C-alpha atoms as a PDB file:
ATOM      1  CA  MET A   1     -29.919 -14.480  38.973  1.00  0.00           C
ATOM      2  CA  LYS A   2     -27.689 -16.702  36.786  1.00  0.00           C
ATOM      3  CA  ARG A   3     -25.048 -14.046  35.719  1.00  0.00           C
ATOM      4  CA  SER A   4     -24.387 -14.610  31.626  1.00  0.00           C
ATOM      5  CA  PRO A   5     -20.693 -15.394  30.727  1.00  0.00           C
ATOM      6  CA  PRO A   6     -18.846 -12.567  30.018  1.00  0.00           C
ATOM      7  CA  ASP A   7     -18.400 -13.226  26.242  1.00  0.00           C
ATOM      8  CA  GLN A   8     -21.871 -13.240  26.091  1.00  0.00           C
ATOM      9  CA  GLU A   9     -22.097  -9.324  27.258  1.00  0.00           C
ATOM     10  CA  SER A  10     -22.092  -7.902  24.066  1.00  0.00           C
ATOM     11  CA  PRO A  11     -22.622  -4.159  23.325  1.00  0.00           C
ATOM     12  CA  PRO A  12     -25.662  -2.991  21.658  1.00  0.00           C
ATOM     13  CA  SER A  13     -25.539  -4.530  17.617  1.00  0.00           C
ATOM     14  CA  VAL A  14     -24.731  -1.426  14.906  1.00  0.00           C
ATOM     15  CA  LYS A  15     -26.232  -3.956  12.025  1.00  0.00           C
ATOM     16  CA  SER A  16     -27.215  -7.406  11.817  1.00  0.00           C
ATOM     17  CA  TRP A  17     -28.147  -9.636   9.241  1.00  0.00           C
ATOM     18  CA  THR A  18     -29.678 -13.204   9.233  1.00  0.00           C
ATOM     19  CA  VAL A  19     -28.649 -16.514   7.386  1.00  0.00           C
ATOM     20  CA  PRO A  20     -30.956 -17.058   4.596  1.00  0.00           C
ATOM     21  CA  PRO A  21     -33.254 -20.414   4.178  1.00  0.00           C
ATOM     22  CA  GLY A  22     -31.438 -22.953   2.301  1.00  0.00           C
ATOM     23  CA  GLN A  23     -27.877 -22.101   3.725  1.00  0.00           C
ATOM     24  CA  GLU A  24     -25.805 -24.240   5.432  1.00  0.00           C
ATOM     25  CA  ALA A  25     -21.887 -24.171   6.585  1.00  0.00           C
ATOM     26  CA  ILE A  26     -20.713 -21.054   5.041  1.00  0.00           C
ATOM     27  CA  ARG A  27     -17.568 -19.608   6.735  1.00  0.00           C
ATOM     28  CA  LEU A  28     -17.945 -16.741   8.847  1.00  0.00           C
ATOM     29  CA  ASP A  29     -15.107 -14.480   6.695  1.00  0.00           C
ATOM     30  CA  LEU A  30     -17.303 -15.667   3.463  1.00  0.00           C
ATOM     31  CA  PHE A  31     -20.537 -14.362   4.790  1.00  0.00           C
ATOM     32  CA  VAL A  32     -19.256 -10.951   6.381  1.00  0.00           C
ATOM     33  CA  ARG A  33     -17.714 -10.289   2.953  1.00  0.00           C
ATOM     34  CA  ARG A  34     -20.979 -11.417   1.349  1.00  0.00           C
ATOM     35  CA  CYS A  35     -22.925  -8.700   3.842  1.00  0.00           C
ATOM     36  CA  LEU A  36     -20.111  -6.185   3.479  1.00  0.00           C
ATOM     37  CA  PRO A  37     -18.469  -6.749  -0.212  1.00  0.00           C
ATOM     38  CA  HIS A  38     -16.737  -3.508   0.098  1.00  0.00           C
ATOM     39  CA  LEU A  39     -14.370  -5.320   2.606  1.00  0.00           C
ATOM     40  CA  SER A  40     -11.184  -6.876   1.739  1.00  0.00           C
ATOM     41  CA  VAL A  41     -10.668 -10.487   2.840  1.00  0.00           C
ATOM     42  CA  ARG A  42      -7.334  -9.034   4.878  1.00  0.00           C
ATOM     43  CA  GLU A  43     -10.064  -6.360   6.742  1.00  0.00           C
ATOM     44  CA  SER A  44     -13.044  -9.077   6.867  1.00  0.00           C
ATOM     45  CA  ARG A  45     -10.720 -11.278   8.808  1.00  0.00           C
ATOM     46  CA  ARG A  46      -9.191  -8.514  10.746  1.00  0.00           C
ATOM     47  CA  ALA A  47     -12.474  -7.150  11.794  1.00  0.00           C
ATOM     48  CA  ILE A  48     -13.282 -10.362  13.132  1.00  0.00           C
ATOM     49  CA  GLU A  49     -10.070 -11.016  14.823  1.00  0.00           C
ATOM     50  CA  GLU A  50     -11.244  -8.028  17.037  1.00  0.00           C
ATOM     51  CA  ARG A  51     -14.386  -9.311  17.990  1.00  0.00           C
ATOM     52  CA  ALA A  52     -16.490  -6.618  15.682  1.00  0.00           C
ATOM     53  CA  PHE A  53     -18.777  -9.995  14.364  1.00  0.00           C
ATOM     54  CA  TRP A  54     -21.134 -11.938  16.636  1.00  0.00           C
ATOM     55  CA  ILE A  55     -23.009 -15.089  15.647  1.00  0.00           C
ATOM     56  CA  ASN A  56     -26.467 -15.410  17.816  1.00  0.00           C
ATOM     57  CA  ASN A  57     -24.778 -13.205  20.938  1.00  0.00           C
ATOM     58  CA  ARG A  58     -21.443 -14.925  21.130  1.00  0.00           C
ATOM     59  CA  PRO A  59     -18.565 -13.417  19.578  1.00  0.00           C
ATOM     60  CA  GLY A  60     -17.590 -14.847  15.741  1.00  0.00           C
ATOM     61  CA  LYS A  61     -14.236 -16.483  15.567  1.00  0.00           C
ATOM     62  CA  LYS A  62     -11.840 -17.224  12.670  1.00  0.00           C
ATOM     63  CA  GLY A  63     -13.127 -20.769  11.528  1.00  0.00           C
ATOM     64  CA  ASP A  64     -16.562 -20.477  12.534  1.00  0.00           C
ATOM     65  CA  ARG A  65     -19.622 -21.303  10.709  1.00  0.00           C
ATOM     66  CA  LEU A  66     -23.011 -20.291  10.133  1.00  0.00           C
ATOM     67  CA  PHE A  67     -26.204 -22.000   9.446  1.00  0.00           C
ATOM     68  CA  GLU A  68     -29.518 -21.155   8.037  1.00  0.00           C
ATOM     69  CA  GLY A  69     -31.708 -18.811  10.696  1.00  0.00           C
ATOM     70  CA  ASP A  70     -28.335 -18.198  12.068  1.00  0.00           C
ATOM     71  CA  ILE A  71     -27.926 -14.086  13.516  1.00  0.00           C
ATOM     72  CA  LEU A  72     -24.593 -12.449  12.407  1.00  0.00           C
ATOM     73  CA  ALA A  73     -24.426  -8.589  14.256  1.00  0.00           C
ATOM     74  CA  LEU A  74     -21.965  -5.874  13.850  1.00  0.00           C
ATOM     75  CA  ARG A  75     -21.178  -4.651  17.209  1.00  0.00           C
ATOM     76  CA  GLY A  76     -17.945  -3.105  17.155  1.00  0.00           C
ATOM     77  CA  PRO A  77     -17.046   0.536  15.352  1.00  0.00           C
ATOM     78  CA  GLU A  78     -19.380   1.491  12.459  1.00  0.00           C
ATOM     79  CA  HIS A  79     -16.692   2.132  10.141  1.00  0.00           C
ATOM     80  CA  TRP A  80     -16.693  -1.256   9.073  1.00  0.00           C
ATOM     81  CA  LEU A  81     -19.907  -0.316   7.450  1.00  0.00           C
ATOM     82  CA  PHE A  82     -18.443   2.520   5.477  1.00  0.00           C
ATOM     83  CA  PRO A  83     -18.153   1.897   1.731  1.00  0.00           C
ATOM     84  CA  GLY A  84     -15.043   4.157   0.911  1.00  0.00           C
ATOM     85  CA  PRO A  85     -12.791   6.363   2.712  1.00  0.00           C
ATOM     86  CA  SER A  86     -13.929   9.532   4.474  1.00  0.00           C
ATOM     87  CA  PRO A  87     -12.782  13.009   3.546  1.00  0.00           C
ATOM     88  CA  GLU A  88     -10.113  14.271   6.378  1.00  0.00           C
ATOM     89  CA  THR A  89      -7.779  17.327   6.691  1.00  0.00           C
ATOM     90  CA  SER A  90      -5.916  16.283   9.610  1.00  0.00           C
ATOM     91  CA  ALA A  91      -2.607  16.282   7.592  1.00  0.00           C
ATOM     92  CA  TYR A  92      -1.619  18.311   4.708  1.00  0.00           C
ATOM     93  CA  VAL A  93      -0.183  17.613   1.979  1.00  0.00           C
ATOM     94  CA  PRO A  94       1.795  19.742  -0.519  1.00  0.00           C
ATOM     95  CA  ILE A  95       0.757  20.171  -4.078  1.00  0.00           C
ATOM     96  CA  LEU A  96       3.594  19.873  -6.882  1.00  0.00           C
ATOM     97  CA  PHE A  97       1.501  20.128 -10.108  1.00  0.00           C
ATOM     98  CA  GLU A  98      -2.138  20.554 -10.626  1.00  0.00           C
ATOM     99  CA  ASP A  99      -4.611  21.568 -13.964  1.00  0.00           C
ATOM    100  CA  ASP A 100      -7.792  20.195 -15.088  1.00  0.00           C
ATOM    101  CA  PHE A 101      -7.090  16.548 -15.597  1.00  0.00           C
ATOM    102  CA  VAL A 102      -4.076  15.664 -13.244  1.00  0.00           C
ATOM    103  CA  LEU A 103      -2.699  16.432  -9.680  1.00  0.00           C
ATOM    104  CA  ALA A 104       0.654  15.344  -8.132  1.00  0.00           C
ATOM    105  CA  VAL A 105       1.242  15.368  -4.656  1.00  0.00           C
ATOM    106  CA  ASP A 106       4.242  15.304  -2.169  1.00  0.00           C
ATOM    107  CA  LYS A 107       3.101  12.410   0.150  1.00  0.00           C
ATOM    108  CA  PRO A 108       5.115  12.225   3.701  1.00  0.00           C
ATOM    109  CA  ALA A 109       6.520   8.863   4.384  1.00  0.00           C
ATOM    110  CA  ASP A 110       4.593   8.518   7.597  1.00  0.00           C
ATOM    111  CA  MET A 111       0.994   8.266   5.618  1.00  0.00           C
ATOM    112  CA  ALA A 112      -0.294   5.022   3.938  1.00  0.00           C
ATOM    113  CA  THR A 113      -1.301   6.259   0.232  1.00  0.00           C
ATOM    114  CA  HIS A 114      -4.597   4.638   0.962  1.00  0.00           C
ATOM    115  CA  GLY A 115      -6.742   2.113   3.414  1.00  0.00           C
ATOM    116  CA  PHE A 116      -8.842  -0.921   2.938  1.00  0.00           C
ATOM    117  CA  SER A 117     -11.856   0.015   5.072  1.00  0.00           C
ATOM    118  CA  GLY A 118     -13.022   3.272   6.885  1.00  0.00           C
ATOM    119  CA  ARG A 119     -11.559   2.794   9.924  1.00  0.00           C
ATOM    120  CA  GLU A 120      -8.523   4.569   7.976  1.00  0.00           C
ATOM    121  CA  ARG A 121      -8.565   8.567   8.348  1.00  0.00           C
ATOM    122  CA  ASN A 122      -5.128   9.640   7.579  1.00  0.00           C
ATOM    123  CA  SER A 123      -4.035   8.208   4.352  1.00  0.00           C
ATOM    124  CA  LEU A 124      -3.548  10.245   1.360  1.00  0.00           C
ATOM    125  CA  VAL A 125      -6.900   9.877  -0.101  1.00  0.00           C
ATOM    126  CA  ASN A 126      -8.435  11.079   3.224  1.00  0.00           C
ATOM    127  CA  PHE A 127      -6.738  13.881   2.716  1.00  0.00           C
ATOM    128  CA  LEU A 128      -7.560  13.991  -1.619  1.00  0.00           C
ATOM    129  CA  LEU A 129     -11.114  13.378  -1.514  1.00  0.00           C
ATOM    130  CA  ALA A 130     -11.267  16.275   0.934  1.00  0.00           C
ATOM    131  CA  ILE A 131      -9.578  18.651  -1.431  1.00  0.00           C
ATOM    132  CA  ARG A 132     -11.170  17.157  -4.483  1.00  0.00           C
ATOM    133  CA  PRO A 133     -14.585  15.649  -3.694  1.00  0.00           C
ATOM    134  CA  SER A 134     -14.968  14.353  -7.273  1.00  0.00           C
ATOM    135  CA  LEU A 135     -12.149  11.983  -7.263  1.00  0.00           C
ATOM    136  CA  HIS A 136     -14.220   9.775  -5.190  1.00  0.00           C
ATOM    137  CA  ALA A 137     -15.941   8.544  -8.858  1.00  0.00           C
ATOM    138  CA  VAL A 138     -12.338   8.427 -10.368  1.00  0.00           C
ATOM    139  CA  GLY A 139     -10.812   5.145 -10.760  1.00  0.00           C
ATOM    140  CA  LYS A 140     -10.660   1.136 -10.265  1.00  0.00           C
ATOM    141  CA  SER A 141     -11.593   1.027  -6.285  1.00  0.00           C
ATOM    142  CA  ALA A 142     -13.710   3.384  -4.182  1.00  0.00           C
ATOM    143  CA  TRP A 143     -10.414   2.828  -1.747  1.00  0.00           C
ATOM    144  CA  GLU A 144      -8.190   4.248  -4.465  1.00  0.00           C
ATOM    145  CA  PRO A 145     -10.041   7.243  -5.712  1.00  0.00           C
ATOM    146  CA  GLY A 146      -7.841   8.931  -8.969  1.00  0.00           C
ATOM    147  CA  LEU A 147      -4.651   7.286  -7.668  1.00  0.00           C
ATOM    148  CA  VAL A 148      -2.658   6.521 -10.910  1.00  0.00           C
ATOM    149  CA  HIS A 149      -0.086   4.206  -9.112  1.00  0.00           C
ATOM    150  CA  ARG A 150       1.092   3.911  -5.357  1.00  0.00           C
ATOM    151  CA  ILE A 151       4.130   3.808  -3.341  1.00  0.00           C
ATOM    152  CA  ASP A 152       4.653   2.255   0.349  1.00  0.00           C
ATOM    153  CA  GLN A 153       3.594   3.842   3.289  1.00  0.00           C
ATOM    154  CA  GLY A 154       7.422   4.473   4.302  1.00  0.00           C
ATOM    155  CA  THR A 155       8.091   5.622   0.920  1.00  0.00           C
ATOM    156  CA  SER A 156       8.052   9.840   0.485  1.00  0.00           C
ATOM    157  CA  GLY A 157       7.390  11.487  -2.611  1.00  0.00           C
ATOM    158  CA  ILE A 158       5.033  12.122  -5.834  1.00  0.00           C
ATOM    159  CA  VAL A 159       1.836  10.629  -6.255  1.00  0.00           C
ATOM    160  CA  LEU A 160       0.126  11.235  -9.630  1.00  0.00           C
ATOM    161  CA  VAL A 161      -3.892  11.361  -9.469  1.00  0.00           C
ATOM    162  CA  ALA A 162      -6.063  11.343 -12.306  1.00  0.00           C
ATOM    163  CA  LYS A 163      -8.801  13.604 -11.810  1.00  0.00           C
ATOM    164  CA  ASP A 164     -11.288  11.980 -14.601  1.00  0.00           C
ATOM    165  CA  GLN A 165     -12.017   8.335 -15.648  1.00  0.00           C
ATOM    166  CA  THR A 166     -10.359   9.184 -19.071  1.00  0.00           C
ATOM    167  CA  THR A 167      -7.485  10.556 -17.841  1.00  0.00           C
ATOM    168  CA  PHE A 168      -7.320   7.974 -15.331  1.00  0.00           C
ATOM    169  CA  GLU A 169      -7.423   5.057 -18.244  1.00  0.00           C
ATOM    170  CA  LYS A 170      -4.836   6.970 -20.274  1.00  0.00           C
ATOM    171  CA  LEU A 171      -2.479   7.582 -17.601  1.00  0.00           C
ATOM    172  CA  ARG A 172      -2.540   3.859 -16.448  1.00  0.00           C
ATOM    173  CA  PHE A 173      -1.970   3.023 -19.735  1.00  0.00           C
ATOM    174  CA  GLN A 174       1.200   4.701 -19.565  1.00  0.00           C
ATOM    175  CA  PHE A 175       2.372   3.052 -16.349  1.00  0.00           C
ATOM    176  CA  ARG A 176       1.324  -0.384 -17.316  1.00  0.00           C
ATOM    177  CA  ARG A 177       3.740  -0.114 -20.880  1.00  0.00           C
ATOM    178  CA  GLY A 178       6.002   1.336 -18.823  1.00  0.00           C
ATOM    179  CA  LEU A 179       6.113   4.516 -20.667  1.00  0.00           C
ATOM    180  CA  SER A 180       6.335   6.971 -17.693  1.00  0.00           C
ATOM    181  CA  LYS A 181       9.398   7.574 -16.001  1.00  0.00           C
ATOM    182  CA  LYS A 182       9.988   6.713 -12.269  1.00  0.00           C
ATOM    183  CA  ARG A 183      12.826   7.675 -10.361  1.00  0.00           C
ATOM    184  CA  TYR A 184      13.978   7.248  -6.687  1.00  0.00           C
ATOM    185  CA  TRP A 185      16.704   8.109  -4.243  1.00  0.00           C
ATOM    186  CA  ALA A 186      17.704   5.374  -2.063  1.00  0.00           C
ATOM    187  CA  LEU A 187      20.399   4.585   0.442  1.00  0.00           C
ATOM    188  CA  VAL A 188      21.259   1.162   0.929  1.00  0.00           C
ATOM    189  CA  TRP A 189      23.644  -0.813   3.179  1.00  0.00           C
ATOM    190  CA  GLY A 190      27.038  -1.330   1.777  1.00  0.00           C
ATOM    191  CA  THR A 191      28.846  -0.693  -1.449  1.00  0.00           C
ATOM    192  CA  PRO A 192      26.971  -2.137  -4.626  1.00  0.00           C
ATOM    193  CA  LYS A 193      29.006  -2.236  -8.120  1.00  0.00           C
ATOM    194  CA  ARG A 194      28.469   1.494  -9.814  1.00  0.00           C
ATOM    195  CA  GLU A 195      25.517   0.599 -11.855  1.00  0.00           C
ATOM    196  CA  GLY A 196      23.203  -2.241 -12.845  1.00  0.00           C
ATOM    197  CA  VAL A 197      20.101  -3.973 -14.045  1.00  0.00           C
ATOM    198  CA  ILE A 198      18.260  -6.294 -11.566  1.00  0.00           C
ATOM    199  CA  THR A 199      15.429  -8.601 -13.678  1.00  0.00           C
ATOM    200  CA  TYR A 200      14.402 -10.836 -11.031  1.00  0.00           C
ATOM    201  CA  PRO A 201      10.378 -11.871 -11.311  1.00  0.00           C
ATOM    202  CA  LEU A 202       8.511 -11.062  -8.286  1.00  0.00           C
ATOM    203  CA  ILE A 203       6.236 -13.286  -6.400  1.00  0.00           C
ATOM    204  CA  HIS A 204       4.020 -13.074  -3.267  1.00  0.00           C
ATOM    205  CA  ASP A 205       5.688 -14.866  -0.158  1.00  0.00           C
ATOM    206  CA  PRO A 206       3.634 -17.301   1.003  1.00  0.00           C
ATOM    207  CA  GLN A 207       4.983 -17.647   4.086  1.00  0.00           C
ATOM    208  CA  ASP A 208       4.376 -13.833   4.877  1.00  0.00           C
ATOM    209  CA  ARG A 209       1.912 -12.107   2.514  1.00  0.00           C
ATOM    210  CA  ARG A 210       3.098  -9.029   4.035  1.00  0.00           C
ATOM    211  CA  LYS A 211       6.217  -9.354   1.570  1.00  0.00           C
ATOM    212  CA  MET A 212       7.203 -10.199  -1.795  1.00  0.00           C
ATOM    213  CA  LYS A 213      10.382 -12.125  -3.310  1.00  0.00           C
ATOM    214  CA  PRO A 214      12.032 -13.001  -6.233  1.00  0.00           C
ATOM    215  CA  ALA A 215      10.332 -15.999  -7.606  1.00  0.00           C
ATOM    216  CA  MET A 216      13.527 -18.174  -8.134  1.00  0.00           C
ATOM    217  CA  VAL A 217      13.716 -17.861  -4.053  1.00  0.00           C
ATOM    218  CA  VAL A 218      11.303 -20.555  -3.951  1.00  0.00           C
ATOM    219  CA  LYS A 219      11.527 -23.823  -1.234  1.00  0.00           C
ATOM    220  CA  ARG A 220      11.942 -27.713  -3.136  1.00  0.00           C
ATOM    221  CA  GLY A 221       8.318 -28.463  -4.130  1.00  0.00           C
ATOM    222  CA  GLU A 222       6.724 -25.386  -3.752  1.00  0.00           C
ATOM    223  CA  LYS A 223       4.519 -24.559  -6.661  1.00  0.00           C
ATOM    224  CA  LEU A 224       4.020 -21.288  -8.222  1.00  0.00           C
ATOM    225  CA  ASP A 225       0.782 -19.813 -10.128  1.00  0.00           C
ATOM    226  CA  GLN A 226       2.379 -18.776 -13.054  1.00  0.00           C
ATOM    227  CA  SER A 227      -0.648 -16.158 -13.278  1.00  0.00           C
ATOM    228  CA  LYS A 228       1.149 -14.435 -10.159  1.00  0.00           C
ATOM    229  CA  ILE A 229       4.213 -14.047 -11.147  1.00  0.00           C
ATOM    230  CA  TRP A 230       5.117 -10.195 -12.110  1.00  0.00           C
ATOM    231  CA  LYS A 231       8.187  -8.917 -13.956  1.00  0.00           C
ATOM    232  CA  ALA A 232      10.190  -6.353 -12.556  1.00  0.00           C
ATOM    233  CA  VAL A 233      12.827  -4.443 -13.686  1.00  0.00           C
ATOM    234  CA  THR A 234      14.752  -2.174 -11.892  1.00  0.00           C
ATOM    235  CA  ARG A 235      18.006  -0.067 -12.558  1.00  0.00           C
ATOM    236  CA  PHE A 236      20.233   1.724 -10.352  1.00  0.00           C
ATOM    237  CA  HIS A 237      23.458   3.715 -10.076  1.00  0.00           C
ATOM    238  CA  VAL A 238      25.585   4.546  -6.969  1.00  0.00           C
ATOM    239  CA  LEU A 239      25.683   8.508  -6.294  1.00  0.00           C
ATOM    240  CA  ALA A 240      28.217   7.954  -3.804  1.00  0.00           C
ATOM    241  CA  TYR A 241      29.822   5.843  -1.128  1.00  0.00           C
ATOM    242  CA  ALA A 242      30.037   6.899   2.249  1.00  0.00           C
ATOM    243  CA  GLU A 243      31.129   4.699   5.309  1.00  0.00           C
ATOM    244  CA  GLU A 244      29.037   1.058   5.331  1.00  0.00           C
ATOM    245  CA  PHE A 245      26.576   2.619   3.056  1.00  0.00           C
ATOM    246  CA  SER A 246      25.973   3.769  -0.766  1.00  0.00           C
ATOM    247  CA  LEU A 247      23.490   6.515  -2.048  1.00  0.00           C
ATOM    248  CA  LEU A 248      21.844   4.854  -5.517  1.00  0.00           C
ATOM    249  CA  GLU A 249      19.538   6.779  -7.963  1.00  0.00           C
ATOM    250  CA  VAL A 250      17.140   4.226  -8.836  1.00  0.00           C
ATOM    251  CA  ALA A 251      14.825   3.877 -12.365  1.00  0.00           C
ATOM    252  CA  LEU A 252      11.827   1.394 -12.765  1.00  0.00           C
ATOM    253  CA  GLU A 253      10.814   0.119 -15.639  1.00  0.00           C
ATOM    254  CA  THR A 254       7.611  -1.761 -13.991  1.00  0.00           C
ATOM    255  CA  GLY A 255       5.840  -1.345 -11.052  1.00  0.00           C
ATOM    256  CA  VAL A 256       5.329  -4.393  -8.621  1.00  0.00           C
ATOM    257  CA  THR A 257       4.667  -4.086  -5.102  1.00  0.00           C
ATOM    258  CA  HIS A 258       7.899  -3.357  -2.750  1.00  0.00           C
ATOM    259  CA  GLN A 259      10.237  -3.713  -6.036  1.00  0.00           C
ATOM    260  CA  ILE A 260      13.160  -1.460  -5.639  1.00  0.00           C
ATOM    261  CA  ARG A 261      12.693  -2.962  -1.519  1.00  0.00           C
ATOM    262  CA  VAL A 262      12.397  -6.453  -2.507  1.00  0.00           C
ATOM    263  CA  HIS A 263      15.338  -6.335  -5.643  1.00  0.00           C
ATOM    264  CA  LEU A 264      18.238  -4.419  -3.527  1.00  0.00           C
ATOM    265  CA  LYS A 265      17.565  -6.980  -0.614  1.00  0.00           C
ATOM    266  CA  ALA A 266      18.151  -9.774  -2.970  1.00  0.00           C
ATOM    267  CA  LEU A 267      21.721  -7.722  -4.593  1.00  0.00           C
ATOM    268  CA  GLY A 268      22.470  -7.998  -0.875  1.00  0.00           C
ATOM    269  CA  HIS A 269      22.068  -4.367   0.094  1.00  0.00           C
ATOM    270  CA  PRO A 270      18.827  -3.583   1.421  1.00  0.00           C
ATOM    271  CA  LEU A 271      17.391  -0.481   1.988  1.00  0.00           C
ATOM    272  CA  VAL A 272      18.387   1.681   5.066  1.00  0.00           C
ATOM    273  CA  GLY A 273      15.562   1.586   8.122  1.00  0.00           C
ATOM    274  CA  ASP A 274      13.664  -1.099   6.324  1.00  0.00           C
ATOM    275  CA  SER A 275      12.134  -3.248   9.045  1.00  0.00           C
ATOM    276  CA  LEU A 276      10.260  -5.815   6.793  1.00  0.00           C
ATOM    277  CA  TYR A 277      13.204  -6.408   4.342  1.00  0.00           C
ATOM    278  CA  ALA A 278      16.222  -5.225   6.404  1.00  0.00           C
ATOM    279  CA  GLU A 279      15.047  -7.292   9.419  1.00  0.00           C
ATOM    280  CA  LYS A 280      18.519  -8.328  10.782  1.00  0.00           C
ATOM    281  CA  ARG A 281      19.934  -5.009  10.250  1.00  0.00           C
ATOM    282  CA  PRO A 282      19.450  -2.023  12.981  1.00  0.00           C
ATOM    283  CA  ASP A 283      17.816   1.121  12.158  1.00  0.00           C
ATOM    284  CA  PRO A 284      21.120   3.237  12.406  1.00  0.00           C
ATOM    285  CA  PHE A 285      19.655   6.752  11.853  1.00  0.00           C
ATOM    286  CA  GLY A 286      16.423   5.626  13.992  1.00  0.00           C
ATOM    287  CA  LEU A 287      14.137   6.734  10.599  1.00  0.00           C
ATOM    288  CA  GLY A 288      11.909   4.402  11.648  1.00  0.00           C
ATOM    289  CA  HIS A 289      11.216   3.817   8.143  1.00  0.00           C
ATOM    290  CA  GLN A 290      13.316   2.711   4.829  1.00  0.00           C
ATOM    291  CA  PHE A 291      15.221   5.470   3.267  1.00  0.00           C
ATOM    292  CA  LEU A 292      13.459   5.724  -0.359  1.00  0.00           C
ATOM    293  CA  HIS A 293      12.114   8.968  -2.317  1.00  0.00           C
ATOM    294  CA  ALA A 294      10.154   9.218  -5.734  1.00  0.00           C
ATOM    295  CA  PHE A 295      12.131  12.218  -6.336  1.00  0.00           C
ATOM    296  CA  TYR A 296      10.873  12.192  -9.972  1.00  0.00           C
ATOM    297  CA  LEU A 297       7.890  11.581 -12.298  1.00  0.00           C
ATOM    298  CA  GLY A 298       8.299  11.702 -16.052  1.00  0.00           C
ATOM    299  CA  PHE A 299       4.923  11.130 -18.309  1.00  0.00           C
ATOM    300  CA  ARG A 300       3.287  12.031 -21.310  1.00  0.00           C
ATOM    301  CA  HIS A 301       0.070  14.498 -20.748  1.00  0.00           C
ATOM    302  CA  PRO A 302      -2.914  12.625 -21.232  1.00  0.00           C
ATOM    303  CA  GLU A 303      -4.626  15.828 -22.823  1.00  0.00           C
ATOM    304  CA  SER A 304      -1.889  17.923 -24.602  1.00  0.00           C
ATOM    305  CA  GLY A 305       0.273  14.993 -25.356  1.00  0.00           C
ATOM    306  CA  GLU A 306       3.408  17.151 -24.284  1.00  0.00           C
ATOM    307  CA  GLU A 307       5.887  15.590 -21.814  1.00  0.00           C
ATOM    308  CA  VAL A 308       5.416  16.481 -18.342  1.00  0.00           C
ATOM    309  CA  ALA A 309       8.380  16.387 -15.474  1.00  0.00           C
ATOM    310  CA  ILE A 310       7.538  16.631 -12.020  1.00  0.00           C
ATOM    311  CA  GLU A 311      10.182  16.678  -9.086  1.00  0.00           C
ATOM    312  CA  SER A 312      10.317  16.147  -5.374  1.00  0.00           C
ATOM    313  CA  PRO A 313      12.889  17.910  -2.754  1.00  0.00           C
ATOM    314  CA  LEU A 314      14.475  15.376  -0.491  1.00  0.00           C
ATOM    315  CA  PRO A 315      12.489  15.588   2.927  1.00  0.00           C
ATOM    316  CA  GLU A 316      14.639  17.686   5.872  1.00  0.00           C
ATOM    317  CA  LYS A 317      14.595  14.369   7.706  1.00  0.00           C
ATOM    318  CA  LEU A 318      16.522  12.084   4.869  1.00  0.00           C
ATOM    319  CA  LYS A 319      18.691  15.097   3.839  1.00  0.00           C
ATOM    320  CA  ARG A 320      20.061  15.429   7.583  1.00  0.00           C
ATOM    321  CA  ILE A 321      21.356  12.006   7.488  1.00  0.00           C
ATOM    322  CA  LEU A 322      22.912  12.662   3.930  1.00  0.00           C
ATOM    323  CA  GLU A 323      24.576  15.829   5.829  1.00  0.00           C
ATOM    324  CA  ARG A 324      25.813  13.495   8.500  1.00  0.00           C
ATOM    325  CA  LEU A 325      27.510  11.201   6.291  1.00  0.00           C
ATOM    326  CA  ARG A 326      29.008  13.925   4.207  1.00  0.00           C
ATOM    327  CA  ILE A 327      27.102  13.078   1.251  1.00  0.00           C
ATOM    328  CA  ASN A 328      25.910  16.177  -1.138  1.00  0.00           C
ATOM    329  CA  LEU A 329      23.103  15.200  -3.502  1.00  0.00           C
END
């Protein structure tokens, strides 16, 4: 008996869908998202790259199109079917503040705030759902239950969580209007002036979707979608100079993705350890992530109206670096 080619020897199907009558030449990634609308564009494409979806017993590839009667089968891990994150307590996250309405936690730098599919088991939201299951009904997205804001995976510090939808909406209003107070400690390369304000608006970098960049740094002929330009304001002052580094206190007036990292790079002083925005610099302390810690968060309590101030101590790993540089915080 003739043996089938290797790419036709597939694992058993977990779930399958048939392209309905009248459907012609729909792209594979679009049909995957039609079948599994909880997946983001990025995650659906990642699943395709990992050969999780098969078309008529052959692995689907980027650019494939499906037609009426074609059978799409999920033959990868079942986590692609999960419509939201699962509760996991494999890691502990310190609680800094909690009452009936809000919860503030101290996220470590090696933990993502949230994932985009059920494959993520070690994010902050996995931990939050394990300790406070009711959070699954709060927020704007199933993948971000209760999260009022986010900080990058390599950034440590305070993350604020709303425990009900009304509280979530009130706190989001404060954050969108710049009424909250967010402060960070950042170790950067070089010696910037004592204090300053950076106001470059930011856009997604079309050459690298992982990155943001100042809107004025565009190539000739590159068109900008005005609706995708974000106002960003970052204030800083220098706490200490040491060797070829400087420790800054940074205050955010807005909250754009990667804002501090992009603004400080644009100033010529990228964060120490930032492999994405200081890619031409070494990681002198073997940190493995950017030296950036969200140490202070102030906001008006959504129920009582009182001012709340939350602080997070500098992690030991970052503290040891400052000790090596003889910087007293």
